[in-house]
């Protein structure tokens, strides 16, 4: 059976968000500095947070998952640890057995539809045996991010009502729909989302799973708020937050390493706090 919303930390966080109409940042971290800034922001703003790692990070920095887990457990506000876009079946099996994640995105969207469902169902059962919540992607969201298979050569598919029911049938806990969102940067015209489709998906699932929004690069505060109002509980962010960190590093390479770390953390913390206010999660803990 899927982990209950009363025992799994990711689902606890998102259940509260859904009940009270706000969104929770699910923020990618690539290093300890990012983790520090994100957790400090959550504690400063009394906001829940989902801390996310990419599968590539587990290979590049194997110990980072344990630093992230310790930060989540030691925080004074609810923070869960999530593995985003896990696409390697063998890695997923290893993670389930050996690593302290609260939730995993089992991303088989680079396979054709039937195989995607079959593999997702098998891996979901494995995760649930360990109390790990599962997110999956219905339809197909085009583009690619760091360490993620680029689906640009595959046809983008908007999530259909039939697909929603099929993914609910494999007992996932979080659904990442395709509504015109893409992984990576948007064209100059910016994001163009199908809000009628998103609202319809929310009505169809009727609380059975939580909605996760991917592809938030170039989102405005207003667009983010509209997505939350239409049913999004989990707001995945990568470049949206970390661009300020990258910009700071480029502009301040002349500083000492200690100054770069201290000031960089402060810059990222402030930007994270700003987005927590935008998402409505500030002051909820």
Protein backbone atom coordinates (compact mmCIF):
# COMPACT_ATOMS: atom_id res chain seq x y z
CA UNK A 1 0.00 0.00 0.00
CA UNK A 2 1.15 3.60 -0.59
CA UNK A 3 2.62 5.37 2.44
CA UNK A 4 -0.09 7.19 4.38
CA UNK A 5 -0.14 10.96 4.53
CA UNK A 6 0.30 10.78 8.30
CA UNK A 7 3.64 8.96 8.23
CA UNK A 8 5.52 10.04 5.11
CA UNK A 9 7.11 13.47 5.53
CA UNK A 10 6.77 14.58 1.89
CA UNK A 11 3.09 13.67 1.88
CA UNK A 12 2.53 15.34 5.26
CA UNK A 13 4.02 18.56 3.91
CA UNK A 14 1.94 18.47 0.72
CA UNK A 15 -1.27 17.45 2.47
CA UNK A 16 -1.05 20.58 4.64
CA UNK A 17 -0.29 22.71 1.58
CA UNK A 18 -3.27 21.35 -0.31
CA UNK A 19 -5.63 21.81 2.64
CA UNK A 20 -4.62 25.44 3.15
CA UNK A 21 -4.12 26.50 -0.46
CA UNK A 22 -0.41 27.25 -0.71
CA UNK A 23 2.52 25.79 -2.62
CA UNK A 24 5.73 24.27 -1.29
CA UNK A 25 9.08 24.83 -2.95
CA UNK A 26 10.79 21.60 -4.00
CA UNK A 27 14.27 23.00 -4.48
CA UNK A 28 17.25 21.35 -6.15
CA UNK A 29 20.54 21.46 -4.24
CA UNK A 30 23.90 20.65 -5.82
CA UNK A 31 26.17 21.18 -2.82
CA UNK A 32 26.29 21.80 0.93
CA UNK A 33 26.12 25.57 0.45
CA UNK A 34 22.79 25.23 -1.35
CA UNK A 35 21.45 22.96 1.38
CA UNK A 36 22.53 25.45 4.05
CA UNK A 37 20.88 28.40 2.30
CA UNK A 38 17.64 26.55 1.60
CA UNK A 39 17.26 25.23 5.15
CA UNK A 40 18.11 28.63 6.66
CA UNK A 41 15.46 30.22 4.45
CA UNK A 42 12.85 27.69 5.56
CA UNK A 43 13.64 28.27 9.22
CA UNK A 44 13.76 32.03 8.84
CA UNK A 45 10.39 32.15 7.06
CA UNK A 46 8.86 29.31 9.12
CA UNK A 47 8.08 27.53 5.89
CA UNK A 48 7.96 23.86 4.92
CA UNK A 49 10.40 22.79 2.22
CA UNK A 50 11.14 19.78 0.02
CA UNK A 51 14.88 19.43 -0.53
CA UNK A 52 15.69 17.75 -3.83
CA UNK A 53 18.77 16.04 -5.24
CA UNK A 54 19.37 14.87 -8.79
CA UNK A 55 20.55 11.29 -9.47
CA UNK A 56 23.75 12.69 -10.99
CA UNK A 57 24.58 14.32 -7.65
CA UNK A 58 24.50 10.94 -5.92
CA UNK A 59 27.34 9.88 -8.22
CA UNK A 60 29.31 13.13 -8.11
CA UNK A 61 28.98 13.72 -4.36
CA UNK A 62 27.95 10.42 -2.70
CA UNK A 63 28.02 11.85 0.83
CA UNK A 64 25.75 14.81 0.05
CA UNK A 65 22.57 12.78 0.57
CA UNK A 66 23.57 12.15 4.20
CA UNK A 67 24.34 15.83 4.78
CA UNK A 68 20.95 16.67 3.26
CA UNK A 69 19.18 14.07 5.41
CA UNK A 70 20.84 15.40 8.56
CA UNK A 71 19.81 18.96 7.63
CA UNK A 72 16.20 17.85 7.13
CA UNK A 73 16.05 15.98 10.42
CA UNK A 74 17.73 18.77 12.38
CA UNK A 75 15.56 21.58 11.03
CA UNK A 76 12.99 23.34 13.20
CA UNK A 77 10.42 23.24 10.38
CA UNK A 78 9.18 20.29 8.26
CA UNK A 79 11.67 19.50 5.48
CA UNK A 80 11.65 16.29 3.46
CA UNK A 81 14.27 14.79 1.15
CA UNK A 82 13.29 13.92 -2.43
CA UNK A 83 15.19 12.31 -5.32
CA UNK A 84 14.13 14.07 -8.52
CA UNK A 85 13.96 12.47 -11.98
CA UNK A 86 15.35 9.06 -11.07
CA UNK A 87 15.58 7.29 -14.45
CA UNK A 88 18.01 4.42 -13.82
CA UNK A 89 16.16 1.39 -12.47
CA UNK A 90 19.26 -0.09 -10.86
CA UNK A 91 20.06 3.18 -9.13
CA UNK A 92 16.49 3.46 -7.84
CA UNK A 93 16.69 -0.02 -6.35
CA UNK A 94 19.96 0.86 -4.62
CA UNK A 95 18.58 4.15 -3.33
CA UNK A 96 15.48 2.47 -1.91
CA UNK A 97 17.60 -0.02 0.01
CA UNK A 98 20.41 2.22 1.22
CA UNK A 99 19.56 5.94 1.22
CA UNK A 100 17.34 8.10 3.46
CA UNK A 101 14.90 9.61 0.95
CA UNK A 102 11.31 10.38 1.88
CA UNK A 103 10.15 10.40 -1.74
CA UNK A 104 11.42 9.58 -5.22
CA UNK A 105 10.34 10.68 -8.66
CA UNK A 106 10.30 7.44 -10.63
CA UNK A 107 10.76 9.00 -14.05
CA UNK A 108 10.23 6.46 -16.80
CA UNK A 109 8.86 9.08 -19.21
CA UNK A 110 11.72 8.46 -21.65
CA UNK A 111 10.08 5.07 -22.37
CA UNK A 112 6.99 4.56 -24.47
CA UNK A 113 3.70 4.82 -22.62
CA UNK A 114 3.01 1.15 -21.85
CA UNK A 115 6.57 0.50 -20.70
CA UNK A 116 6.52 3.71 -18.65
CA UNK A 117 3.46 2.46 -16.75
CA UNK A 118 4.81 -1.05 -16.29
CA UNK A 119 8.17 0.07 -14.93
CA UNK A 120 6.58 2.76 -12.76
CA UNK A 121 4.22 0.24 -11.18
CA UNK A 122 7.01 -2.20 -10.38
CA UNK A 123 9.26 0.46 -8.84
CA UNK A 124 6.38 2.08 -6.96
CA UNK A 125 5.68 -1.18 -5.16
CA UNK A 126 9.33 -1.42 -4.20
CA UNK A 127 9.37 2.15 -2.84
CA UNK A 128 6.16 1.69 -0.88
CA UNK A 129 7.59 -1.35 0.87
CA UNK A 130 10.13 1.04 2.42
CA UNK A 131 7.59 3.80 3.14
CA UNK A 132 8.90 6.01 0.32
CA UNK A 133 6.37 8.13 -1.56
CA UNK A 134 6.46 8.07 -5.37
CA UNK A 135 6.06 10.79 -7.95
CA UNK A 136 5.61 10.02 -11.66
CA UNK A 137 5.28 12.03 -14.86
CA UNK A 138 2.19 11.58 -17.01
CA UNK A 139 2.23 12.69 -20.61
CA UNK A 140 5.70 13.77 -21.63
CA UNK A 141 7.37 17.04 -20.64
CA UNK A 142 9.87 18.08 -23.29
CA UNK A 143 13.41 19.25 -22.68
CA UNK A 144 16.18 18.29 -20.28
CA UNK A 145 17.98 19.38 -17.13
CA UNK A 146 21.34 18.54 -15.61
CA UNK A 147 21.80 14.78 -15.51
CA UNK A 148 18.34 14.06 -16.96
CA UNK A 149 17.63 12.35 -20.27
CA UNK A 150 16.55 14.94 -22.84
CA UNK A 151 13.13 14.09 -24.26
CA UNK A 152 13.40 16.76 -26.94
CA UNK A 153 13.50 14.14 -29.69
CA UNK A 154 10.29 12.58 -28.40
CA UNK A 155 6.93 14.13 -29.08
CA UNK A 156 5.61 16.21 -26.19
CA UNK A 157 2.31 14.84 -24.96
CA UNK A 158 -0.16 16.74 -22.82
CA UNK A 159 -1.60 14.71 -19.96
CA UNK A 160 -4.98 13.22 -20.86
CA UNK A 161 -7.78 12.08 -18.51
CA UNK A 162 -7.07 8.48 -19.54
CA UNK A 163 -3.41 8.82 -18.56
CA UNK A 164 -4.34 10.27 -15.20
CA UNK A 165 -6.46 7.21 -14.42
CA UNK A 166 -3.73 4.86 -15.63
CA UNK A 167 -1.14 6.44 -13.35
CA UNK A 168 -3.55 6.46 -10.43
CA UNK A 169 -3.96 2.76 -11.08
CA UNK A 170 -0.27 2.09 -10.37
CA UNK A 171 -0.77 3.74 -6.96
CA UNK A 172 1.64 6.65 -7.21
CA UNK A 173 1.39 9.44 -4.63
CA UNK A 174 2.31 12.51 -6.68
CA UNK A 175 1.53 13.26 -10.31
CA UNK A 176 3.63 15.59 -12.50
CA UNK A 177 1.35 16.49 -15.42
CA UNK A 178 2.33 17.84 -18.82
CA UNK A 179 0.36 21.05 -19.40
CA UNK A 180 2.72 22.97 -21.69
CA UNK A 181 5.57 23.12 -19.16
CA UNK A 182 9.06 22.11 -20.30
CA UNK A 183 12.32 21.12 -18.63
CA UNK A 184 14.96 23.79 -19.14
CA UNK A 185 14.53 27.27 -20.59
CA UNK A 186 11.46 28.47 -22.45
CA UNK A 187 11.49 30.22 -25.84
CA UNK A 188 11.43 34.04 -25.89
CA UNK A 189 7.63 34.12 -25.72
CA UNK A 190 7.84 32.47 -22.30
CA UNK A 191 5.72 29.71 -20.70
CA UNK A 192 2.26 29.06 -22.13
CA UNK A 193 0.37 26.71 -19.85
CA UNK A 194 -2.99 25.01 -20.28
CA UNK A 195 -4.70 26.03 -17.04
CA UNK A 196 -8.01 24.45 -18.04
CA UNK A 197 -6.19 21.13 -18.30
CA UNK A 198 -4.51 21.62 -14.91
CA UNK A 199 -7.81 22.47 -13.21
CA UNK A 200 -9.46 19.48 -14.88
CA UNK A 201 -6.70 17.17 -13.63
CA UNK A 202 -7.13 18.53 -10.11
CA UNK A 203 -10.86 17.87 -10.29
CA UNK A 204 -10.33 14.38 -11.70
CA UNK A 205 -7.84 13.21 -9.08
CA UNK A 206 -10.04 14.62 -6.31
CA UNK A 207 -7.33 14.53 -3.65
CA UNK A 208 -6.19 10.98 -4.44
CA UNK A 209 -2.68 12.19 -5.29
CA UNK A 210 -0.82 15.50 -5.07
CA UNK A 211 0.13 17.58 -8.10
CA UNK A 212 3.78 18.44 -8.75
CA UNK A 213 4.69 21.19 -11.21
CA UNK A 214 7.90 20.81 -13.20
CA UNK A 215 9.52 23.23 -15.63
CA UNK A 216 9.41 26.51 -13.69
CA UNK A 217 12.38 28.22 -15.34
CA UNK A 218 11.38 31.76 -16.35
CA UNK A 219 8.19 31.68 -14.25
CA UNK A 220 6.92 34.99 -12.91
CA UNK A 221 5.51 35.27 -9.40
CA UNK A 222 2.05 35.75 -10.91
CA UNK A 223 2.27 32.61 -13.05
CA UNK A 224 3.48 30.59 -10.07
CA UNK A 225 0.57 31.80 -7.94
CA UNK A 226 -1.86 30.91 -10.73
CA UNK A 227 -0.47 27.37 -10.87
CA UNK A 228 -0.88 26.97 -7.11
CA UNK A 229 -4.44 28.29 -7.27
CA UNK A 230 -5.19 25.78 -10.03
CA UNK A 231 -4.09 22.83 -7.92
CA UNK A 232 -0.30 22.62 -7.67
CA UNK A 233 1.03 21.71 -4.22
CA UNK A 234 4.67 20.89 -5.07
CA UNK A 235 6.55 23.59 -6.99
CA UNK A 236 9.81 22.25 -8.43
CA UNK A 237 12.50 24.91 -8.73
CA UNK A 238 16.04 24.78 -10.04
CA UNK A 239 17.29 27.72 -12.09
CA UNK A 240 14.44 29.87 -10.75
CA UNK A 241 16.27 29.96 -7.40
CA UNK A 242 19.85 29.08 -8.28
CA UNK A 243 20.37 31.69 -11.00
CA UNK A 244 21.12 34.26 -8.29
CA UNK A 245 23.80 31.93 -6.88
CA UNK A 246 25.43 31.45 -10.29
CA UNK A 247 25.34 35.17 -11.00
CA UNK A 248 26.94 35.95 -7.63
CA UNK A 249 29.78 33.48 -8.25
CA UNK A 250 30.52 34.90 -11.70
CA UNK A 251 30.59 38.47 -10.44
CA UNK A 252 32.60 37.83 -7.26
CA UNK A 253 35.33 35.39 -8.23
CA UNK A 254 37.88 37.86 -6.85
CA UNK A 255 36.69 37.29 -3.27
CA UNK A 256 38.24 34.78 -0.92
CA UNK A 257 36.61 31.35 -0.79
CA UNK A 258 35.28 32.06 2.71
CA UNK A 259 33.67 35.30 1.53
CA UNK A 260 32.19 33.61 -1.52
CA UNK A 261 30.63 30.88 0.61
CA UNK A 262 29.26 33.22 3.29
CA UNK A 263 27.90 35.84 0.92
CA UNK A 264 26.67 33.31 -1.64
CA UNK A 265 24.65 31.49 1.00
CA UNK A 266 23.12 34.79 2.08
CA UNK A 267 22.15 35.69 -1.50
CA UNK A 268 20.49 32.32 -2.11
CA UNK A 269 18.75 32.37 1.27
CA UNK A 270 17.16 35.75 0.55
CA UNK A 271 15.97 34.65 -2.89
CA UNK A 272 14.51 31.44 -1.45
CA UNK A 273 12.70 33.41 1.24
CA UNK A 274 11.23 35.67 -1.45
CA UNK A 275 9.80 32.69 -3.31
CA UNK A 276 8.44 31.15 -0.12
CA UNK A 277 6.42 34.32 0.37
CA UNK A 278 5.25 34.18 -3.25
CA UNK A 279 4.14 30.54 -2.87
CA UNK A 280 2.28 31.34 0.35
CA UNK A 281 4.22 28.85 2.49
CA UNK A 282 5.91 31.46 4.68
CA UNK A 283 4.61 31.52 8.25
CA UNK A 284 2.89 28.14 7.98
CA UNK A 285 5.10 26.35 10.55
